[in-house]
N, C-alpha and C. Protein backbone atom coordinates (compact mmCIF):
# COMPACT_ATOMS: atom_id res chain seq x y z
N MET A 1 -37.65 -8.45 -10.19
CA MET A 1 -37.16 -9.47 -11.22
C MET A 1 -36.35 -9.48 -12.19
N ALA A 2 -36.78 -8.21 -13.15
CA ALA A 2 -35.99 -7.96 -14.39
C ALA A 2 -34.88 -7.80 -14.41
N ALA A 3 -34.22 -7.76 -13.39
CA ALA A 3 -32.62 -7.16 -12.63
C ALA A 3 -32.06 -8.75 -12.82
N LEU A 4 -33.02 -9.51 -12.00
CA LEU A 4 -32.28 -10.81 -11.47
C LEU A 4 -31.98 -11.30 -13.52
N ALA A 5 -33.11 -11.77 -14.48
CA ALA A 5 -32.95 -11.98 -15.67
C ALA A 5 -31.77 -11.04 -16.48
N THR A 6 -31.80 -9.95 -16.55
CA THR A 6 -30.57 -9.38 -16.80
C THR A 6 -29.39 -9.87 -16.61
N SER A 7 -29.05 -10.09 -15.05
CA SER A 7 -27.69 -10.89 -14.85
C SER A 7 -27.70 -12.18 -15.07
N ALA A 8 -28.64 -12.57 -15.25
CA ALA A 8 -28.58 -14.24 -15.55
C ALA A 8 -28.16 -13.94 -16.82
N MET A 9 -28.30 -13.03 -17.94
CA MET A 9 -28.38 -13.24 -19.56
C MET A 9 -26.73 -12.49 -19.68
N ALA A 10 -26.02 -11.61 -18.70
CA ALA A 10 -24.77 -11.45 -18.54
C ALA A 10 -23.85 -12.08 -18.42
N VAL A 11 -24.85 -13.56 -17.54
CA VAL A 11 -23.81 -14.58 -17.21
C VAL A 11 -23.40 -15.13 -18.29
N ARG A 12 -24.76 -15.80 -19.08
CA ARG A 12 -24.59 -16.59 -20.27
C ARG A 12 -23.56 -15.73 -21.49
N ALA A 13 -24.11 -14.52 -21.38
CA ALA A 13 -23.30 -13.86 -22.57
C ALA A 13 -21.17 -13.69 -22.42
N ALA A 14 -20.85 -13.93 -21.43
CA ALA A 14 -19.71 -14.17 -20.94
C ALA A 14 -18.96 -14.83 -21.84
N ALA A 15 -17.78 -14.65 -21.95
CA ALA A 15 -16.92 -14.94 -23.16
C ALA A 15 -16.46 -16.36 -22.47
N PRO A 16 -16.18 -17.50 -22.40
CA PRO A 16 -15.44 -18.56 -22.04
C PRO A 16 -13.74 -18.45 -22.42
N ALA A 17 -13.21 -18.52 -20.81
CA ALA A 17 -12.15 -18.92 -21.32
C ALA A 17 -11.50 -19.67 -22.46
N ARG A 18 -10.22 -19.13 -23.06
CA ARG A 18 -9.98 -19.17 -24.37
C ARG A 18 -8.75 -20.91 -23.59
N SER A 19 -8.13 -20.36 -22.66
CA SER A 19 -7.26 -21.37 -22.15
C SER A 19 -7.48 -21.76 -20.80
N THR A 20 -6.98 -22.65 -20.13
CA THR A 20 -6.81 -22.84 -18.73
C THR A 20 -5.91 -21.90 -17.92
N ARG A 21 -4.68 -21.44 -19.07
CA ARG A 21 -3.74 -20.54 -18.47
C ARG A 21 -4.63 -19.28 -18.27
N SER A 22 -5.62 -18.52 -18.50
CA SER A 22 -6.23 -17.81 -18.43
C SER A 22 -7.51 -17.31 -17.34
N MET A 23 -7.01 -18.76 -16.41
CA MET A 23 -7.79 -18.84 -15.24
C MET A 23 -7.07 -18.94 -14.41
N MET A 24 -6.15 -18.02 -13.65
CA MET A 24 -5.01 -18.31 -13.05
C MET A 24 -5.17 -18.02 -11.14
N VAL A 25 -5.30 -18.26 -10.43
CA VAL A 25 -5.29 -18.32 -8.89
C VAL A 25 -4.11 -17.71 -8.61
N TRP A 26 -4.60 -16.26 -7.49
CA TRP A 26 -3.68 -15.31 -6.97
C TRP A 26 -3.10 -16.45 -6.06
N ASN A 27 -1.57 -16.26 -5.62
CA ASN A 27 -0.67 -16.65 -4.71
C ASN A 27 -0.87 -16.55 -3.95
N PRO A 28 -1.76 -16.74 -2.14
CA PRO A 28 -1.48 -16.12 -1.10
C PRO A 28 -0.03 -16.58 -0.30
N ILE A 29 0.48 -16.77 -1.01
CA ILE A 29 1.83 -17.15 -0.21
C ILE A 29 3.22 -16.20 -0.37
N GLY A 30 3.43 -15.37 0.52
CA GLY A 30 4.70 -14.74 0.49
C GLY A 30 4.34 -13.59 -0.63
N ASN A 31 3.11 -13.38 -0.60
CA ASN A 31 2.46 -12.35 -1.91
C ASN A 31 1.54 -11.38 -1.60
N LYS A 32 2.08 -10.29 -0.02
CA LYS A 32 1.55 -9.51 0.56
C LYS A 32 2.00 -8.10 -0.38
N PHE A 33 0.96 -7.74 -0.64
CA PHE A 33 0.75 -6.22 -0.75
C PHE A 33 0.72 -4.88 0.18
N PHE A 34 0.88 -3.75 0.24
CA PHE A 34 0.69 -2.45 0.44
C PHE A 34 0.22 -1.58 -0.54
N GLU A 35 -0.61 -0.58 -0.29
CA GLU A 35 -1.22 0.61 -0.55
C GLU A 35 -0.47 0.41 -2.33
N THR A 36 -0.84 1.63 -2.63
CA THR A 36 -0.35 1.98 -4.12
C THR A 36 1.00 1.30 -4.13
N PHE A 37 1.15 0.92 -5.58
CA PHE A 37 2.44 0.61 -6.03
C PHE A 37 2.98 -0.55 -5.59
N SER A 38 2.73 -1.07 -4.29
CA SER A 38 3.25 -2.33 -4.28
C SER A 38 2.94 -3.11 -4.77
N PHE A 39 2.55 -3.43 -5.89
CA PHE A 39 2.33 -4.53 -6.83
C PHE A 39 3.32 -4.70 -7.93
N LEU A 40 3.86 -3.40 -7.75
CA LEU A 40 5.14 -3.30 -8.81
C LEU A 40 6.80 -3.60 -8.12
N PRO A 41 7.60 -3.76 -8.98
CA PRO A 41 8.81 -4.26 -8.70
C PRO A 41 9.32 -2.79 -7.66
N PRO A 42 10.01 -3.24 -6.91
CA PRO A 42 10.34 -1.70 -6.25
C PRO A 42 10.72 -0.38 -6.88
N LEU A 43 10.65 0.68 -6.37
CA LEU A 43 10.37 1.78 -7.28
C LEU A 43 11.96 2.47 -6.92
N SER A 44 12.65 2.97 -7.86
CA SER A 44 13.68 3.86 -7.94
C SER A 44 13.63 4.92 -7.02
N ASP A 45 14.91 5.45 -6.92
CA ASP A 45 14.83 6.56 -5.89
C ASP A 45 14.54 7.51 -6.94
N THR A 46 14.45 7.45 -8.11
CA THR A 46 13.69 8.45 -9.28
C THR A 46 12.48 8.51 -9.41
N GLU A 47 11.90 7.43 -9.34
CA GLU A 47 10.28 7.23 -9.55
C GLU A 47 10.15 7.49 -7.93
N ILE A 48 10.57 7.27 -7.11
CA ILE A 48 10.05 7.52 -5.35
C ILE A 48 9.82 9.56 -5.75
N SER A 49 11.23 9.80 -6.10
CA SER A 49 10.99 11.64 -6.17
C SER A 49 9.69 11.86 -7.01
N LYS A 50 9.58 11.35 -8.28
CA LYS A 50 8.34 12.12 -9.22
C LYS A 50 7.09 11.23 -8.44
N GLN A 51 7.21 10.37 -7.50
CA GLN A 51 5.65 10.50 -6.87
C GLN A 51 5.43 11.62 -5.46
N ILE A 52 6.71 11.98 -5.16
CA ILE A 52 6.83 12.73 -3.72
C ILE A 52 6.72 14.49 -4.37
N ASP A 53 6.96 14.69 -6.03
CA ASP A 53 6.85 15.55 -6.36
C ASP A 53 5.54 15.59 -6.84
N TYR A 54 4.82 14.96 -7.49
CA TYR A 54 3.43 15.28 -7.63
C TYR A 54 2.52 15.25 -6.65
N CYS A 55 2.87 15.38 -5.46
CA CYS A 55 2.51 14.97 -3.69
C CYS A 55 2.41 16.35 -3.49
N VAL A 56 3.93 16.85 -3.78
CA VAL A 56 3.87 18.31 -3.44
C VAL A 56 3.44 19.18 -4.05
N ASN A 57 3.50 19.14 -5.32
CA ASN A 57 2.56 19.84 -6.30
C ASN A 57 1.37 20.00 -6.05
N SER A 58 0.35 19.07 -5.78
CA SER A 58 -0.86 18.86 -4.98
C SER A 58 -1.27 19.60 -4.21
N GLY A 59 -0.15 19.93 -2.91
CA GLY A 59 -0.43 20.45 -1.80
C GLY A 59 -0.49 19.71 -0.67
N TYR A 60 -0.09 18.49 -1.24
CA TYR A 60 -0.21 17.36 0.05
C TYR A 60 1.21 17.41 1.02
N THR A 61 1.04 17.51 2.41
CA THR A 61 1.99 17.56 2.92
C THR A 61 2.85 16.04 3.06
N PRO A 62 3.90 15.72 2.79
CA PRO A 62 4.99 14.30 2.97
C PRO A 62 4.83 14.23 3.93
N CYS A 63 4.65 12.85 4.43
CA CYS A 63 5.42 12.18 6.14
C CYS A 63 5.46 11.07 5.32
N ILE A 64 6.55 10.29 6.57
CA ILE A 64 7.45 8.88 6.64
C ILE A 64 6.79 8.24 7.65
N GLU A 65 6.36 7.04 7.03
CA GLU A 65 5.72 6.36 8.48
C GLU A 65 6.53 4.68 7.97
N PHE A 66 6.50 4.55 9.57
CA PHE A 66 7.56 3.26 9.44
C PHE A 66 6.82 2.00 10.45
N GLN A 67 7.26 0.55 10.40
CA GLN A 67 6.26 -0.70 11.54
C GLN A 67 7.39 -1.64 10.82
N PRO A 68 7.31 -2.10 12.13
CA PRO A 68 7.99 -3.64 12.16
C PRO A 68 7.54 -4.83 11.27
N ALA A 69 7.95 -5.54 10.42
CA ALA A 69 7.47 -6.24 9.63
C ALA A 69 6.14 -7.17 10.38
N GLU A 70 6.44 -7.46 11.17
CA GLU A 70 5.25 -8.36 12.14
C GLU A 70 4.03 -7.78 12.62
N GLN A 71 4.38 -6.22 12.49
CA GLN A 71 2.92 -5.48 12.86
C GLN A 71 2.51 -4.67 11.56
N GLY A 72 3.25 -4.79 10.34
CA GLY A 72 2.91 -4.01 9.30
C GLY A 72 1.67 -4.02 8.38
N TYR A 73 0.80 -5.68 8.87
CA TYR A 73 0.09 -6.02 8.11
C TYR A 73 -1.41 -5.53 8.76
N THR A 74 -2.59 -5.14 7.91
CA THR A 74 -3.96 -5.06 8.28
C THR A 74 -4.65 -6.47 7.92
N ASP A 75 -4.33 -7.40 8.34
CA ASP A 75 -5.07 -8.39 7.82
C ASP A 75 -6.05 -9.07 8.72
N SER A 76 -6.17 -8.22 10.33
CA SER A 76 -7.24 -9.43 11.09
C SER A 76 -7.23 -8.15 11.67
N HIS A 77 -8.61 -8.34 12.76
CA HIS A 77 -8.92 -7.16 14.10
C HIS A 77 -7.88 -7.08 15.03
N GLY A 78 -6.86 -8.04 14.80
CA GLY A 78 -6.04 -7.76 15.63
C GLY A 78 -5.92 -8.28 17.29
N THR A 79 -5.54 -7.60 18.03
CA THR A 79 -6.12 -8.43 19.68
C THR A 79 -6.64 -7.11 20.80
N SER A 80 -7.44 -6.14 19.45
CA SER A 80 -7.92 -5.26 20.16
C SER A 80 -9.02 -5.61 20.57
N GLY A 81 -9.94 -6.74 20.52
CA GLY A 81 -10.49 -7.05 21.62
C GLY A 81 -12.11 -6.51 20.54
N LEU A 82 -12.44 -5.88 19.91
CA LEU A 82 -13.43 -4.75 19.19
C LEU A 82 -13.96 -6.45 18.58
N ASP A 83 -15.28 -6.13 18.73
CA ASP A 83 -16.24 -7.18 18.08
C ASP A 83 -16.14 -6.68 16.19
N SER A 84 -15.93 -7.34 15.40
CA SER A 84 -15.81 -7.19 14.16
C SER A 84 -16.85 -6.63 13.59
N SER A 85 -18.26 -7.36 14.19
CA SER A 85 -18.96 -7.16 13.24
C SER A 85 -19.86 -5.67 13.64
N ALA A 86 -19.56 -5.08 14.67
CA ALA A 86 -20.00 -3.78 15.00
C ALA A 86 -18.87 -2.51 14.64
N PHE A 87 -17.60 -2.97 14.21
CA PHE A 87 -16.66 -1.92 13.91
C PHE A 87 -15.98 -2.87 12.94
N SER A 88 -16.61 -3.13 11.51
CA SER A 88 -16.35 -3.43 10.63
C SER A 88 -15.27 -3.01 10.10
N GLY A 89 -14.80 -1.27 10.08
CA GLY A 89 -14.38 -1.04 9.40
C GLY A 89 -12.54 -0.41 9.96
N TYR A 90 -12.42 -1.21 11.33
CA TYR A 90 -11.72 -0.99 11.97
C TYR A 90 -10.52 -2.23 11.80
N TYR A 91 -9.47 -2.02 12.00
CA TYR A 91 -8.54 -3.04 11.76
C TYR A 91 -6.82 -2.37 12.30
N ASP A 92 -6.35 -3.57 13.58
CA ASP A 92 -5.05 -2.72 14.23
C ASP A 92 -4.34 -2.88 12.90
N ASN A 93 -3.24 -2.16 13.42
CA ASN A 93 -1.76 -2.01 12.15
C ASN A 93 -1.75 -0.89 11.42
N ARG A 94 -3.30 -0.33 11.24
CA ARG A 94 -3.11 0.75 9.81
C ARG A 94 -2.75 1.80 10.17
N TYR A 95 -2.10 2.09 11.77
CA TYR A 95 -1.31 3.44 11.93
C TYR A 95 0.00 2.82 11.89
N TRP A 96 1.11 3.78 11.59
CA TRP A 96 2.57 2.76 11.90
C TRP A 96 3.02 4.06 12.50
N THR A 97 4.05 3.76 13.04
CA THR A 97 4.91 4.91 13.84
C THR A 97 5.74 6.13 12.70
N MET A 98 5.47 7.52 13.25
CA MET A 98 5.62 8.53 12.26
C MET A 98 7.31 8.63 12.58
N TRP A 99 8.07 8.84 11.02
CA TRP A 99 9.31 9.11 11.27
C TRP A 99 9.66 10.71 11.19
N LYS A 100 9.88 10.61 12.67
CA LYS A 100 9.96 12.62 12.73
C LYS A 100 8.53 12.92 12.74
N LEU A 101 8.49 14.58 12.11
CA LEU A 101 7.35 15.24 11.95
C LEU A 101 6.66 15.25 10.36
N PRO A 102 5.59 15.64 10.37
CA PRO A 102 5.34 15.78 8.65
C PRO A 102 6.47 16.72 7.84
N MET A 103 6.66 16.65 7.08
CA MET A 103 7.64 17.69 6.34
C MET A 103 7.07 19.05 5.89
N PHE A 104 5.76 19.48 6.46
CA PHE A 104 5.09 20.68 6.63
C PHE A 104 6.43 21.64 5.41
N GLY A 105 5.85 22.37 4.63
CA GLY A 105 6.95 23.45 3.94
C GLY A 105 7.76 22.88 2.80
N CYS A 106 7.97 21.05 3.02
CA CYS A 106 9.09 20.25 1.78
C CYS A 106 8.67 20.72 0.34
N SER A 107 9.70 21.25 -0.35
CA SER A 107 9.35 21.46 -1.74
C SER A 107 10.49 20.93 -2.67
N ASP A 108 10.86 20.01 -2.01
CA ASP A 108 12.15 19.58 -2.90
C ASP A 108 11.89 17.71 -2.61
N SER A 109 12.13 17.12 -3.22
CA SER A 109 11.92 15.45 -3.23
C SER A 109 13.36 15.45 -2.41
N SER A 110 14.24 15.95 -2.90
CA SER A 110 15.30 15.04 -2.47
C SER A 110 15.35 15.06 -0.53
N GLN A 111 14.73 16.08 -0.08
CA GLN A 111 14.63 16.02 1.10
C GLN A 111 14.22 14.78 1.70
N VAL A 112 12.70 14.56 1.16
CA VAL A 112 12.37 13.33 1.67
C VAL A 112 13.03 12.33 1.33
N LEU A 113 13.88 11.88 0.24
CA LEU A 113 14.92 10.82 0.06
C LEU A 113 15.82 10.93 1.24
N THR A 114 16.22 11.76 1.26
CA THR A 114 17.71 11.64 2.59
C THR A 114 16.67 11.24 3.99
N GLU A 115 15.34 11.41 4.27
CA GLU A 115 15.12 10.80 5.36
C GLU A 115 14.60 9.44 4.94
N ILE A 116 14.09 9.25 3.73
CA ILE A 116 13.62 7.78 3.86
C ILE A 116 14.99 6.63 3.97
N ALA A 117 16.23 7.55 3.40
CA ALA A 117 17.67 6.59 3.38
C ALA A 117 17.64 6.66 5.37
N ASN A 118 17.02 7.35 5.86
CA ASN A 118 17.77 7.72 7.19
C ASN A 118 16.94 6.50 8.21
N CYS A 119 15.35 6.73 7.89
CA CYS A 119 14.60 5.99 8.46
C CYS A 119 14.90 4.33 8.45
N ALA A 120 15.07 3.85 6.83
CA ALA A 120 15.35 2.70 6.61
C ALA A 120 16.75 2.21 7.49
N LYS A 121 18.13 3.26 7.11
CA LYS A 121 19.07 3.01 7.89
C LYS A 121 18.69 2.95 9.63
N THR A 122 18.00 3.77 10.11
CA THR A 122 17.70 3.50 11.60
C THR A 122 17.03 2.05 12.18
N TYR A 123 15.53 1.67 11.16
CA TYR A 123 15.22 0.93 11.07
C TYR A 123 15.03 -0.19 10.10
N PRO A 124 15.74 -0.56 9.68
CA PRO A 124 16.18 -1.47 8.61
C PRO A 124 15.46 -2.92 8.79
N ALA A 125 14.77 -3.35 9.65
CA ALA A 125 13.87 -4.31 10.22
C ALA A 125 12.61 -4.11 9.99
N CYS A 126 11.84 -2.72 9.67
CA CYS A 126 11.03 -2.21 9.28
C CYS A 126 10.10 -1.70 7.95
N PHE A 127 9.23 -1.81 7.37
CA PHE A 127 8.74 -1.25 6.08
C PHE A 127 8.52 0.01 6.59
N VAL A 128 9.06 0.95 5.26
CA VAL A 128 8.64 2.21 5.70
C VAL A 128 8.15 3.26 4.48
N ARG A 129 6.74 3.51 4.46
CA ARG A 129 6.35 4.04 3.45
C ARG A 129 6.07 6.14 3.69
N VAL A 130 5.52 5.97 2.54
CA VAL A 130 5.58 7.60 2.41
C VAL A 130 4.14 8.46 2.25
N VAL A 131 3.65 8.88 2.62
CA VAL A 131 1.86 9.23 2.82
C VAL A 131 1.99 10.91 2.49
N GLY A 132 0.69 11.11 2.12
CA GLY A 132 0.90 12.57 1.80
C GLY A 132 -0.94 13.36 2.39
N PHE A 133 -0.55 14.22 3.37
CA PHE A 133 -1.69 14.90 3.83
C PHE A 133 -2.04 15.70 3.57
N ASP A 134 -3.47 15.89 3.23
CA ASP A 134 -4.00 17.37 2.18
C ASP A 134 -4.72 18.00 3.66
N ALA A 135 -3.99 19.27 4.05
CA ALA A 135 -4.12 19.92 4.83
C ALA A 135 -5.52 20.35 4.50
N MET A 136 -6.35 20.90 3.77
CA MET A 136 -7.37 21.47 3.41
C MET A 136 -8.60 20.53 4.07
N LYS A 137 -7.96 19.60 3.37
CA LYS A 137 -9.12 18.13 3.45
C LYS A 137 -8.84 17.64 4.83
N GLN A 138 -8.05 17.39 5.35
CA GLN A 138 -7.52 16.91 6.64
C GLN A 138 -7.93 15.33 6.64
N VAL A 139 -7.05 15.23 5.32
CA VAL A 139 -6.71 13.73 5.33
C VAL A 139 -5.83 13.24 4.57
N GLN A 140 -5.85 11.78 4.68
CA GLN A 140 -4.76 11.08 4.14
C GLN A 140 -4.99 10.69 2.39
N CYS A 141 -4.32 11.48 1.36
CA CYS A 141 -4.55 10.95 -0.01
C CYS A 141 -3.67 10.60 -0.62
N VAL A 142 -2.26 10.10 -0.11
CA VAL A 142 -1.65 9.19 -0.79
C VAL A 142 -0.83 8.51 0.20
N SER A 143 -0.33 7.03 -0.27
CA SER A 143 0.32 6.23 0.30
C SER A 143 1.01 5.06 -0.27
N PHE A 144 2.65 5.11 -0.18
CA PHE A 144 3.07 4.27 -1.31
C PHE A 144 4.34 3.52 -0.36
N LEU A 145 4.60 2.21 -0.27
CA LEU A 145 5.52 1.72 0.02
C LEU A 145 7.17 1.91 -0.17
N VAL A 146 8.19 2.60 0.22
CA VAL A 146 9.26 2.79 -0.25
C VAL A 146 10.43 1.91 0.21
N HIS A 147 10.45 0.89 1.06
CA HIS A 147 11.53 0.23 2.04
C HIS A 147 10.66 -1.08 2.32
N ARG A 148 11.19 -2.50 1.71
CA ARG A 148 10.53 -3.38 2.47
C ARG A 148 11.95 -3.53 3.51
N PRO A 149 11.87 -4.50 4.30
CA PRO A 149 12.96 -4.90 5.15
C PRO A 149 12.96 -6.63 4.35
N ALA A 150 14.81 -6.61 4.88
CA ALA A 150 15.19 -8.46 4.00
C ALA A 150 13.95 -9.50 4.23
N GLY A 151 13.85 -10.25 3.68
CA GLY A 151 13.03 -10.89 3.61
C GLY A 151 11.55 -10.99 3.76
N SER A 152 11.26 -9.76 3.47
CA SER A 152 9.78 -9.47 2.94
C SER A 152 9.69 -9.15 1.97
N GLU A 153 10.65 -9.45 0.52
CA GLU A 153 10.41 -8.71 -0.30
C GLU A 153 8.94 -9.25 -1.17
N ALA A 154 8.57 -8.88 -2.08
CA ALA A 154 7.55 -8.83 -2.96
C ALA A 154 7.66 -10.45 -3.80
N ALA A 155 6.98 -11.13 -3.68
CA ALA A 155 6.73 -12.31 -5.24
C ALA A 155 7.36 -11.59 -6.21
N PRO A 156 8.58 -12.74 -7.06
CA PRO A 156 8.51 -12.39 -8.11
C PRO A 156 7.46 -11.86 -9.42
N LEU A 157 7.11 -11.33 -10.00
CA LEU A 157 5.92 -11.34 -11.40
C LEU A 157 5.28 -12.52 -11.39
N ASP A 158 6.61 -13.49 -12.06
CA ASP A 158 6.21 -14.69 -12.23
C ASP A 158 5.85 -15.68 -11.04
N LYS A 159 5.41 -15.26 -9.98
CA LYS A 159 5.16 -16.30 -9.12
C LYS A 159 3.52 -15.35 -8.32
N ARG A 160 3.35 -14.89 -8.73
CA ARG A 160 2.00 -13.80 -7.90
C ARG A 160 1.22 -14.34 -8.47
N SER A 161 0.22 -15.51 -9.77
CA SER A 161 -0.66 -16.30 -9.97
C SER A 161 -0.26 -17.18 -10.62
N LEU A 162 -1.01 -18.48 -9.83
CA LEU A 162 -0.28 -19.61 -10.43
C LEU A 162 -1.61 -20.09 -11.51
C-alpha cells in the first residue's frame, strides 16, 4: 500500500506542462525507424566509418544485411501462424538476408563501405544495415541502418511529432 501512496504522490508532484507545444504526439505515418541511429538524419560515409571503426576496435565482426522494404519491418508476428501469447518474443522479418559472409578479419572500415555501396547498388529497393557480431559472446551487439530505398526516407525532423 505504501508503494501506491508513493507513486500517487509522485504523480501529483510532477510538473505541469508549460504549454500545449510541449505535449507533442508521435506521428505514426511515414515515421518508422530501425535500430540505433535511425532516428537521426542519414549517416554520411565518414560517420558510418567511425561506427565501423568502433565495432572493429571492440572486437566485433562487421556484417552487411539487406531486406526489401515490404519485409524490413518487424511490426507484427507476420504470417508464421505462431500464437503471439506463447511466442511473444518472436517476430517475422527480424532476420534479414546476409550480403556475402561476415567480414571476419576486417580491419579497415573502407572495406565495409565498399561492400555497403555494392549491396545498395545491387539491391536499390532494399534497406541495408551493418551489424556487429561479438564472437566471444556469440551475439549481435550492434546494428544500424546505412541505406534506405527511395520512397522509404525517414520523416523530416519537424514532422516526426505533432
